[in-house]
Amino acid sequence: MTEAAGNELVTVNFLLSAGAEVNSKNDIGINALGYAECLDTEEVRAVLAPRSEKAEGLEICRKIAGR
């Protein structure tokens, strides 16, 4: 999630290749795709979207990020 939020494409790809669970949510209910969509990390979003069920916690993220 942190890497998705930071637009760290290389690390996100590494984590995915190592079997990272893309649909896991953090304590406040945001998953990696939720962060990628909320923070407009286009490249990471493009990698996560086909692998993730849906963006979770988008509204929470937007509220925190002031978007």
PDB file of N, CA and C in Angstrom:
ATOM      1  N   MET A   1       0.821  -1.189   0.000  1.00  0.00           N
ATOM      2  CA  MET A   1       0.000   0.000   0.000  1.00  0.00           C
ATOM      3  C   MET A   1       0.865   1.253   0.000  1.00  0.00           C
ATOM      4  N   THR A   2       1.898   1.243   0.815  1.00  0.00           N
ATOM      5  CA  THR A   2       2.787   2.396   0.879  1.00  0.00           C
ATOM      6  C   THR A   2       3.476   2.618  -0.455  1.00  0.00           C
ATOM      7  N   GLU A   3       3.897   1.548  -1.082  1.00  0.00           N
ATOM      8  CA  GLU A   3       4.575   1.666  -2.366  1.00  0.00           C
ATOM      9  C   GLU A   3       3.614   2.139  -3.460  1.00  0.00           C
ATOM     10  N   ALA A   4       2.383   1.700  -3.402  1.00  0.00           N
ATOM     11  CA  ALA A   4       1.376   2.159  -4.370  1.00  0.00           C
ATOM     12  C   ALA A   4       1.100   3.639  -4.171  1.00  0.00           C
ATOM     13  N   ALA A   5       0.990   4.056  -2.928  1.00  0.00           N
ATOM     14  CA  ALA A   5       0.738   5.467  -2.638  1.00  0.00           C
ATOM     15  C   ALA A   5       1.896   6.342  -3.077  1.00  0.00           C
ATOM     16  N   GLY A   6       3.115   5.809  -3.006  1.00  0.00           N
ATOM     17  CA  GLY A   6       4.299   6.571  -3.387  1.00  0.00           C
ATOM     18  C   GLY A   6       4.675   6.442  -4.845  1.00  0.00           C
ATOM     19  N   ASN A   7       3.841   5.770  -5.639  1.00  0.00           N
ATOM     20  CA  ASN A   7       4.072   5.578  -7.069  1.00  0.00           C
ATOM     21  C   ASN A   7       5.393   4.859  -7.337  1.00  0.00           C
ATOM     22  N   GLU A   8       5.718   3.898  -6.491  1.00  0.00           N
ATOM     23  CA  GLU A   8       6.958   3.130  -6.609  1.00  0.00           C
ATOM     24  C   GLU A   8       6.714   1.903  -7.492  1.00  0.00           C
ATOM     25  N   LEU A   9       6.687   2.127  -8.790  1.00  0.00           N
ATOM     26  CA  LEU A   9       6.314   1.092  -9.751  1.00  0.00           C
ATOM     27  C   LEU A   9       7.240  -0.127  -9.690  1.00  0.00           C
ATOM     28  N   VAL A  10       8.531   0.088  -9.611  1.00  0.00           N
ATOM     29  CA  VAL A  10       9.474  -1.036  -9.583  1.00  0.00           C
ATOM     30  C   VAL A  10       9.215  -1.912  -8.358  1.00  0.00           C
ATOM     31  N   THR A  11       9.028  -1.286  -7.212  1.00  0.00           N
ATOM     32  CA  THR A  11       8.786  -2.046  -5.986  1.00  0.00           C
ATOM     33  C   THR A  11       7.430  -2.746  -6.032  1.00  0.00           C
ATOM     34  N   VAL A  12       6.412  -2.075  -6.556  1.00  0.00           N
ATOM     35  CA  VAL A  12       5.091  -2.699  -6.681  1.00  0.00           C
ATOM     36  C   VAL A  12       5.192  -3.938  -7.568  1.00  0.00           C
ATOM     37  N   ASN A  13       5.887  -3.838  -8.694  1.00  0.00           N
ATOM     38  CA  ASN A  13       6.054  -5.000  -9.569  1.00  0.00           C
ATOM     39  C   ASN A  13       6.806  -6.123  -8.873  1.00  0.00           C
ATOM     40  N   PHE A  14       7.831  -5.768  -8.110  1.00  0.00           N
ATOM     41  CA  PHE A  14       8.581  -6.777  -7.356  1.00  0.00           C
ATOM     42  C   PHE A  14       7.669  -7.482  -6.352  1.00  0.00           C
ATOM     43  N   LEU A  15       6.912  -6.694  -5.593  1.00  0.00           N
ATOM     44  CA  LEU A  15       6.022  -7.273  -4.591  1.00  0.00           C
ATOM     45  C   LEU A  15       4.964  -8.172  -5.224  1.00  0.00           C
ATOM     46  N   LEU A  16       4.438  -7.762  -6.357  1.00  0.00           N
ATOM     47  CA  LEU A  16       3.456  -8.594  -7.055  1.00  0.00           C
ATOM     48  C   LEU A  16       4.081  -9.906  -7.519  1.00  0.00           C
ATOM     49  N   SER A  17       5.303  -9.824  -8.041  1.00  0.00           N
ATOM     50  CA  SER A  17       5.970 -11.047  -8.499  1.00  0.00           C
ATOM     51  C   SER A  17       6.296 -11.979  -7.333  1.00  0.00           C
ATOM     52  N   ALA A  18       6.421 -11.412  -6.132  1.00  0.00           N
ATOM     53  CA  ALA A  18       6.692 -12.216  -4.939  1.00  0.00           C
ATOM     54  C   ALA A  18       5.410 -12.744  -4.291  1.00  0.00           C
ATOM     55  N   GLY A  19       4.267 -12.419  -4.881  1.00  0.00           N
ATOM     56  CA  GLY A  19       3.000 -12.953  -4.383  1.00  0.00           C
ATOM     57  C   GLY A  19       2.250 -12.078  -3.408  1.00  0.00           C
ATOM     58  N   ALA A  20       2.530 -10.777  -3.410  1.00  0.00           N
ATOM     59  CA  ALA A  20       1.827  -9.864  -2.501  1.00  0.00           C
ATOM     60  C   ALA A  20       0.316  -9.939  -2.730  1.00  0.00           C
ATOM     61  N   GLU A  21      -0.431  -9.860  -1.665  1.00  0.00           N
ATOM     62  CA  GLU A  21      -1.890  -9.889  -1.721  1.00  0.00           C
ATOM     63  C   GLU A  21      -2.407  -8.485  -2.044  1.00  0.00           C
ATOM     64  N   VAL A  22      -2.919  -8.296  -3.242  1.00  0.00           N
ATOM     65  CA  VAL A  22      -3.325  -6.958  -3.686  1.00  0.00           C
ATOM     66  C   VAL A  22      -4.637  -6.489  -3.078  1.00  0.00           C
ATOM     67  N   ASN A  23      -5.428  -7.390  -2.548  1.00  0.00           N
ATOM     68  CA  ASN A  23      -6.720  -6.979  -2.000  1.00  0.00           C
ATOM     69  C   ASN A  23      -6.717  -6.777  -0.490  1.00  0.00           C
ATOM     70  N   SER A  24      -5.566  -6.894   0.129  1.00  0.00           N
ATOM     71  CA  SER A  24      -5.469  -6.636   1.568  1.00  0.00           C
ATOM     72  C   SER A  24      -5.730  -5.163   1.841  1.00  0.00           C
ATOM     73  N   LYS A  25      -6.364  -4.907   2.994  1.00  0.00           N
ATOM     74  CA  LYS A  25      -6.637  -3.527   3.400  1.00  0.00           C
ATOM     75  C   LYS A  25      -5.872  -3.219   4.681  1.00  0.00           C
ATOM     76  N   ASN A  26      -5.539  -1.948   4.862  1.00  0.00           N
ATOM     77  CA  ASN A  26      -4.884  -1.549   6.102  1.00  0.00           C
ATOM     78  C   ASN A  26      -5.927  -1.353   7.198  1.00  0.00           C
ATOM     79  N   ASP A  27      -5.504  -0.869   8.343  1.00  0.00           N
ATOM     80  CA  ASP A  27      -6.399  -0.730   9.501  1.00  0.00           C
ATOM     81  C   ASP A  27      -7.562   0.233   9.278  1.00  0.00           C
ATOM     82  N   ILE A  28      -7.420   1.146   8.330  1.00  0.00           N
ATOM     83  CA  ILE A  28      -8.506   2.095   8.073  1.00  0.00           C
ATOM     84  C   ILE A  28      -9.288   1.755   6.809  1.00  0.00           C
ATOM     85  N   GLY A  29      -9.011   0.592   6.218  1.00  0.00           N
ATOM     86  CA  GLY A  29      -9.832   0.080   5.127  1.00  0.00           C
ATOM     87  C   GLY A  29      -9.410   0.445   3.720  1.00  0.00           C
ATOM     88  N   ILE A  30      -8.163   0.839   3.531  1.00  0.00           N
ATOM     89  CA  ILE A  30      -7.700   1.214   2.188  1.00  0.00           C
ATOM     90  C   ILE A  30      -6.781   0.115   1.659  1.00  0.00           C
ATOM     91  N   ASN A  31      -7.012  -0.287   0.404  1.00  0.00           N
ATOM     92  CA  ASN A  31      -6.104  -1.249  -0.221  1.00  0.00           C
ATOM     93  C   ASN A  31      -5.168  -0.508  -1.188  1.00  0.00           C
ATOM     94  N   ALA A  32      -4.249  -1.244  -1.785  1.00  0.00           N
ATOM     95  CA  ALA A  32      -3.242  -0.630  -2.657  1.00  0.00           C
ATOM     96  C   ALA A  32      -3.879   0.112  -3.834  1.00  0.00           C
ATOM     97  N   LEU A  33      -4.877  -0.495  -4.467  1.00  0.00           N
ATOM     98  CA  LEU A  33      -5.536   0.170  -5.586  1.00  0.00           C
ATOM     99  C   LEU A  33      -6.280   1.412  -5.114  1.00  0.00           C
ATOM    100  N   GLY A  34      -6.826   1.378  -3.922  1.00  0.00           N
ATOM    101  CA  GLY A  34      -7.473   2.558  -3.359  1.00  0.00           C
ATOM    102  C   GLY A  34      -6.507   3.723  -3.243  1.00  0.00           C
ATOM    103  N   TYR A  35      -5.306   3.446  -2.750  1.00  0.00           N
ATOM    104  CA  TYR A  35      -4.284   4.492  -2.675  1.00  0.00           C
ATOM    105  C   TYR A  35      -3.884   4.972  -4.063  1.00  0.00           C
ATOM    106  N   ALA A  36      -3.671   4.046  -4.974  1.00  0.00           N
ATOM    107  CA  ALA A  36      -3.245   4.411  -6.326  1.00  0.00           C
ATOM    108  C   ALA A  36      -4.280   5.302  -7.016  1.00  0.00           C
ATOM    109  N   GLU A  37      -5.550   4.976  -6.860  1.00  0.00           N
ATOM    110  CA  GLU A  37      -6.598   5.795  -7.468  1.00  0.00           C
ATOM    111  C   GLU A  37      -6.744   7.130  -6.756  1.00  0.00           C
ATOM    112  N   CYS A  38      -6.725   7.113  -5.449  1.00  0.00           N
ATOM    113  CA  CYS A  38      -6.886   8.335  -4.668  1.00  0.00           C
ATOM    114  C   CYS A  38      -5.767   9.332  -4.943  1.00  0.00           C
ATOM    115  N   LEU A  39      -4.550   8.839  -5.046  1.00  0.00           N
ATOM    116  CA  LEU A  39      -3.387   9.710  -5.186  1.00  0.00           C
ATOM    117  C   LEU A  39      -2.912   9.847  -6.628  1.00  0.00           C
ATOM    118  N   ASP A  40      -3.707   9.356  -7.567  1.00  0.00           N
ATOM    119  CA  ASP A  40      -3.430   9.494  -9.001  1.00  0.00           C
ATOM    120  C   ASP A  40      -2.059   8.975  -9.414  1.00  0.00           C
ATOM    121  N   THR A  41      -1.696   7.814  -8.914  1.00  0.00           N
ATOM    122  CA  THR A  41      -0.451   7.183  -9.336  1.00  0.00           C
ATOM    123  C   THR A  41      -0.767   6.292 -10.530  1.00  0.00           C
ATOM    124  N   GLU A  42      -0.773   6.921 -11.697  1.00  0.00           N
ATOM    125  CA  GLU A  42      -1.244   6.290 -12.933  1.00  0.00           C
ATOM    126  C   GLU A  42      -0.566   4.962 -13.265  1.00  0.00           C
ATOM    127  N   GLU A  43       0.763   4.923 -13.221  1.00  0.00           N
ATOM    128  CA  GLU A  43       1.474   3.706 -13.612  1.00  0.00           C
ATOM    129  C   GLU A  43       1.165   2.551 -12.664  1.00  0.00           C
ATOM    130  N   VAL A  44       1.157   2.845 -11.382  1.00  0.00           N
ATOM    131  CA  VAL A  44       0.858   1.805 -10.398  1.00  0.00           C
ATOM    132  C   VAL A  44      -0.595   1.361 -10.529  1.00  0.00           C
ATOM    133  N   ARG A  45      -1.484   2.303 -10.735  1.00  0.00           N
ATOM    134  CA  ARG A  45      -2.897   1.956 -10.908  1.00  0.00           C
ATOM    135  C   ARG A  45      -3.074   1.022 -12.097  1.00  0.00           C
ATOM    136  N   ALA A  46      -2.368   1.271 -13.183  1.00  0.00           N
ATOM    137  CA  ALA A  46      -2.474   0.431 -14.375  1.00  0.00           C
ATOM    138  C   ALA A  46      -2.003  -0.994 -14.110  1.00  0.00           C
ATOM    139  N   VAL A  47      -1.022  -1.159 -13.229  1.00  0.00           N
ATOM    140  CA  VAL A  47      -0.518  -2.485 -12.888  1.00  0.00           C
ATOM    141  C   VAL A  47      -1.454  -3.201 -11.915  1.00  0.00           C
ATOM    142  N   LEU A  48      -2.004  -2.454 -10.967  1.00  0.00           N
ATOM    143  CA  LEU A  48      -2.845  -3.063  -9.938  1.00  0.00           C
ATOM    144  C   LEU A  48      -4.272  -3.359 -10.394  1.00  0.00           C
ATOM    145  N   ALA A  49      -4.828  -2.518 -11.226  1.00  0.00           N
ATOM    146  CA  ALA A  49      -6.245  -2.640 -11.594  1.00  0.00           C
ATOM    147  C   ALA A  49      -6.634  -4.023 -12.128  1.00  0.00           C
ATOM    148  N   PRO A  50      -5.857  -4.615 -13.035  1.00  0.00           N
ATOM    149  CA  PRO A  50      -6.261  -5.945 -13.518  1.00  0.00           C
ATOM    150  C   PRO A  50      -6.134  -7.048 -12.475  1.00  0.00           C
ATOM    151  N   ARG A  51      -5.378  -6.802 -11.418  1.00  0.00           N
ATOM    152  CA  ARG A  51      -5.130  -7.827 -10.401  1.00  0.00           C
ATOM    153  C   ARG A  51      -5.990  -7.656  -9.154  1.00  0.00           C
ATOM    154  N   SER A  52      -6.624  -6.527  -9.021  1.00  0.00           N
ATOM    155  CA  SER A  52      -7.359  -6.205  -7.801  1.00  0.00           C
ATOM    156  C   SER A  52      -8.859  -6.275  -8.053  1.00  0.00           C
ATOM    157  N   GLU A  53      -9.600  -6.689  -7.040  1.00  0.00           N
ATOM    158  CA  GLU A  53     -11.048  -6.777  -7.174  1.00  0.00           C
ATOM    159  C   GLU A  53     -11.666  -5.402  -7.366  1.00  0.00           C
ATOM    160  N   LYS A  54     -11.279  -4.443  -6.515  1.00  0.00           N
ATOM    161  CA  LYS A  54     -11.749  -3.066  -6.648  1.00  0.00           C
ATOM    162  C   LYS A  54     -10.958  -2.178  -5.705  1.00  0.00           C
ATOM    163  N   ALA A  55     -11.029  -0.892  -5.935  1.00  0.00           N
ATOM    164  CA  ALA A  55     -10.376   0.072  -5.050  1.00  0.00           C
ATOM    165  C   ALA A  55     -11.189   0.176  -3.765  1.00  0.00           C
ATOM    166  N   GLU A  56     -10.551  -0.119  -2.667  1.00  0.00           N
ATOM    167  CA  GLU A  56     -11.222  -0.055  -1.357  1.00  0.00           C
ATOM    168  C   GLU A  56     -10.724   1.169  -0.594  1.00  0.00           C
ATOM    169  N   GLY A  57     -11.629   1.833   0.090  1.00  0.00           N
ATOM    170  CA  GLY A  57     -11.263   2.939   0.955  1.00  0.00           C
ATOM    171  C   GLY A  57     -10.984   4.241   0.243  1.00  0.00           C
ATOM    172  N   LEU A  58     -11.477   4.356  -0.968  1.00  0.00           N
ATOM    173  CA  LEU A  58     -11.212   5.553  -1.777  1.00  0.00           C
ATOM    174  C   LEU A  58     -11.690   6.818  -1.088  1.00  0.00           C
ATOM    175  N   GLU A  59     -12.884   6.783  -0.525  1.00  0.00           N
ATOM    176  CA  GLU A  59     -13.424   7.974   0.138  1.00  0.00           C
ATOM    177  C   GLU A  59     -12.613   8.333   1.391  1.00  0.00           C
ATOM    178  N   ILE A  60     -12.195   7.344   2.132  1.00  0.00           N
ATOM    179  CA  ILE A  60     -11.373   7.595   3.328  1.00  0.00           C
ATOM    180  C   ILE A  60     -10.056   8.251   2.909  1.00  0.00           C
ATOM    181  N   CYS A  61      -9.433   7.696   1.886  1.00  0.00           N
ATOM    182  CA  CYS A  61      -8.161   8.237   1.405  1.00  0.00           C
ATOM    183  C   CYS A  61      -8.326   9.683   0.936  1.00  0.00           C
ATOM    184  N   ARG A  62      -9.377   9.923   0.176  1.00  0.00           N
ATOM    185  CA  ARG A  62      -9.610  11.304  -0.313  1.00  0.00           C
ATOM    186  C   ARG A  62      -9.817  12.267   0.832  1.00  0.00           C
ATOM    187  N   LYS A  63     -10.500  11.845   1.857  1.00  0.00           N
ATOM    188  CA  LYS A  63     -10.728  12.713   3.009  1.00  0.00           C
ATOM    189  C   LYS A  63      -9.399  13.037   3.701  1.00  0.00           C
ATOM    190  N   ILE A  64      -8.585  12.000   3.905  1.00  0.00           N
ATOM    191  CA  ILE A  64      -7.296  12.201   4.557  1.00  0.00           C
ATOM    192  C   ILE A  64      -6.374  13.074   3.703  1.00  0.00           C
ATOM    193  N   ALA A  65      -6.388  12.832   2.392  1.00  0.00           N
ATOM    194  CA  ALA A  65      -5.491  13.551   1.475  1.00  0.00           C
ATOM    195  C   ALA A  65      -6.032  14.940   1.116  1.00  0.00           C
ATOM    196  N   GLY A  66      -7.253  15.231   1.526  1.00  0.00           N
ATOM    197  CA  GLY A  66      -7.842  16.530   1.217  1.00  0.00           C
ATOM    198  C   GLY A  66      -8.196  16.699  -0.244  1.00  0.00           C
ATOM    199  N   ARG A  67      -8.656  15.602  -0.849  1.00  0.00           N
ATOM    200  CA  ARG A  67      -9.013  15.636  -2.278  1.00  0.00           C
ATOM    201  C   ARG A  67     -10.495  15.580  -2.476  1.00  0.00           C
TER     202      ARG A  67
END
